[in-house]
């Protein structure tokens, strides 16, 4: 199949789920310790109908000091994409690399906004390589 027959469109981006908790506020605001933020990303995708696929990019950010949890934020950004004319391997790459890259700016902004509204310095997610994440997951399956 030639590249001319390949079609890809982003149909919609949406907030699928978001949560924030900070069990130790407001007392925590009087401490001077700098929290450590651990990040855990996940990518899920599923076939919806015809050529439509849902891709969900999620992150859990957990901030801790030595003594306690500062906050936990979980955000899932979904996207509805249409992809036609791709072989199976190409489609996997599109769904695991290209689509999450399109969703990442929305995820980044949402996490920053939520943590800022929680009374903390906004968490700015560093850019990540979805290609490297995908390659690592493929190697782990071998």
Protein backbone atom coordinates (compact mmCIF):
# COMPACT_ATOMS: atom_id res chain seq x y z
CA UNK A 1 0.00 0.00 0.00
CA UNK A 2 1.42 3.38 -0.96
CA UNK A 3 1.79 6.36 1.34
CA UNK A 4 -0.86 8.18 -0.73
CA UNK A 5 -3.49 5.79 0.67
CA UNK A 6 -2.48 6.44 4.28
CA UNK A 7 -4.74 8.85 6.10
CA UNK A 8 -4.44 10.10 9.66
CA UNK A 9 -6.56 12.68 11.47
CA UNK A 10 -6.92 13.85 15.04
CA UNK A 11 -10.64 14.13 15.68
CA UNK A 12 -10.81 15.19 19.32
CA UNK A 13 -8.70 15.72 22.46
CA UNK A 14 -10.32 15.54 25.88
CA UNK A 15 -9.67 15.26 29.59
CA UNK A 16 -10.52 11.66 30.45
CA UNK A 17 -9.69 11.73 34.17
CA UNK A 18 -7.92 13.95 36.70
CA UNK A 19 -7.39 13.81 40.44
CA UNK A 20 -5.34 15.72 42.99
CA UNK A 21 -4.82 15.10 46.66
CA UNK A 22 -2.60 16.72 49.23
CA UNK A 23 -3.33 15.11 52.58
CA UNK A 24 -0.95 17.26 54.66
CA UNK A 25 -2.06 20.80 53.80
CA UNK A 26 -2.18 23.42 55.16
CA UNK A 27 0.44 22.40 57.77
CA UNK A 28 2.74 21.38 54.94
CA UNK A 29 2.96 24.98 53.73
CA UNK A 30 4.97 25.88 56.85
CA UNK A 31 7.72 23.35 56.15
CA UNK A 32 10.83 24.29 54.24
CA UNK A 33 11.79 20.93 52.78
CA UNK A 34 12.00 20.51 49.01
CA UNK A 35 9.83 17.63 47.76
CA UNK A 36 11.03 14.99 45.30
CA UNK A 37 8.62 14.39 42.41
CA UNK A 38 8.38 10.90 40.91
CA UNK A 39 6.65 10.50 37.54
CA UNK A 40 5.02 7.45 36.03
CA UNK A 41 3.69 7.60 32.45
CA UNK A 42 1.31 5.22 30.71
CA UNK A 43 -0.09 4.92 27.21
CA UNK A 44 -3.20 2.96 26.40
CA UNK A 45 -5.03 2.61 23.12
CA UNK A 46 -8.02 0.76 21.85
CA UNK A 47 -9.89 0.34 18.62
CA UNK A 48 -13.27 2.09 18.73
CA UNK A 49 -14.88 1.45 15.35
CA UNK A 50 -13.94 1.51 11.68
CA UNK A 51 -10.63 3.38 11.53
CA UNK A 52 -11.09 5.18 14.87
CA UNK A 53 -8.83 4.61 17.84
CA UNK A 54 -8.77 6.09 21.31
CA UNK A 55 -5.34 6.85 22.73
CA UNK A 56 -4.96 7.83 26.39
CA UNK A 57 -1.77 9.37 27.73
CA UNK A 58 -1.58 9.38 31.50
CA UNK A 59 0.81 10.45 34.21
CA UNK A 60 0.97 10.07 37.96
CA UNK A 61 3.14 12.63 39.73
CA UNK A 62 3.88 11.92 43.38
CA UNK A 63 5.70 14.55 45.43
CA UNK A 64 7.27 13.42 48.71
CA UNK A 65 9.54 14.74 51.39
CA UNK A 66 11.46 12.37 53.63
CA UNK A 67 8.57 12.39 56.07
CA UNK A 68 5.35 12.48 54.06
CA UNK A 69 3.46 12.69 50.79
CA UNK A 70 3.15 16.29 49.63
CA UNK A 71 0.72 15.63 46.78
CA UNK A 72 -0.38 13.09 44.22
CA UNK A 73 -1.78 14.18 40.86
CA UNK A 74 -3.10 11.81 38.23
CA UNK A 75 -4.14 13.02 34.79
CA UNK A 76 -5.33 11.11 31.72
CA UNK A 77 -5.71 12.96 28.44
CA UNK A 78 -7.58 11.12 25.70
CA UNK A 79 -7.60 11.56 21.98
CA UNK A 80 -9.77 10.19 19.24
CA UNK A 81 -7.76 9.50 16.09
CA UNK A 82 -8.60 8.07 12.68
CA UNK A 83 -5.92 6.04 10.88
CA UNK A 84 -6.39 4.28 7.55
CA UNK A 85 -4.02 2.48 5.22
CA UNK A 86 -1.36 1.61 7.80
CA UNK A 87 0.10 -1.86 8.23
CA UNK A 88 -0.11 -3.46 11.68
CA UNK A 89 3.43 -2.46 12.73
CA UNK A 90 3.02 1.06 11.37
CA UNK A 91 -0.28 1.48 13.19
CA UNK A 92 1.28 0.36 16.48
CA UNK A 93 3.99 2.98 16.04
CA UNK A 94 1.43 5.70 15.21
CA UNK A 95 -0.68 4.82 18.28
CA UNK A 96 2.29 4.53 20.66
CA UNK A 97 4.53 7.34 19.40
CA UNK A 98 2.81 9.91 17.21
CA UNK A 99 -0.55 10.09 19.03
CA UNK A 100 0.93 10.45 22.55
CA UNK A 101 3.23 13.19 21.24
CA UNK A 102 0.12 15.07 20.08
CA UNK A 103 -1.50 14.65 23.51
CA UNK A 104 1.58 15.56 25.58
CA UNK A 105 1.19 19.39 25.49
CA UNK A 106 -2.34 19.04 26.89
CA UNK A 107 -1.15 16.66 29.61
CA UNK A 108 1.70 19.01 30.50
CA UNK A 109 -0.56 22.05 30.78
CA UNK A 110 -3.15 20.20 32.86
CA UNK A 111 -0.60 18.89 35.38
CA UNK A 112 0.96 22.35 35.69
CA UNK A 113 -2.43 23.98 36.23
CA UNK A 114 -3.63 21.44 38.79
CA UNK A 115 -0.47 21.54 40.90
CA UNK A 116 -0.45 25.34 40.80
CA UNK A 117 -4.08 25.47 41.89
CA UNK A 118 -3.17 23.10 44.71
CA UNK A 119 -0.97 25.84 46.18
CA UNK A 120 2.37 24.44 45.00
CA UNK A 121 4.87 25.47 42.39
CA UNK A 122 3.53 24.14 39.09
CA UNK A 123 5.03 20.83 38.00
CA UNK A 124 6.42 21.28 34.49
CA UNK A 125 6.77 17.93 32.78
CA UNK A 126 10.01 17.67 30.82
CA UNK A 127 9.73 16.70 27.18
CA UNK A 128 10.00 12.97 26.65
CA UNK A 129 10.76 10.77 23.66
CA UNK A 130 7.81 8.55 22.94
CA UNK A 131 9.91 6.82 20.31
CA UNK A 132 12.41 5.75 22.98
CA UNK A 133 9.60 4.67 25.31
CA UNK A 134 8.07 2.56 22.54
CA UNK A 135 11.39 0.99 21.55
CA UNK A 136 12.12 0.13 25.20
CA UNK A 137 8.70 -1.50 25.59
CA UNK A 138 9.25 -3.52 22.43
CA UNK A 139 12.65 -4.73 23.64
CA UNK A 140 11.18 -5.65 27.03
CA UNK A 141 8.64 -7.90 25.28
CA UNK A 142 11.36 -9.87 23.49
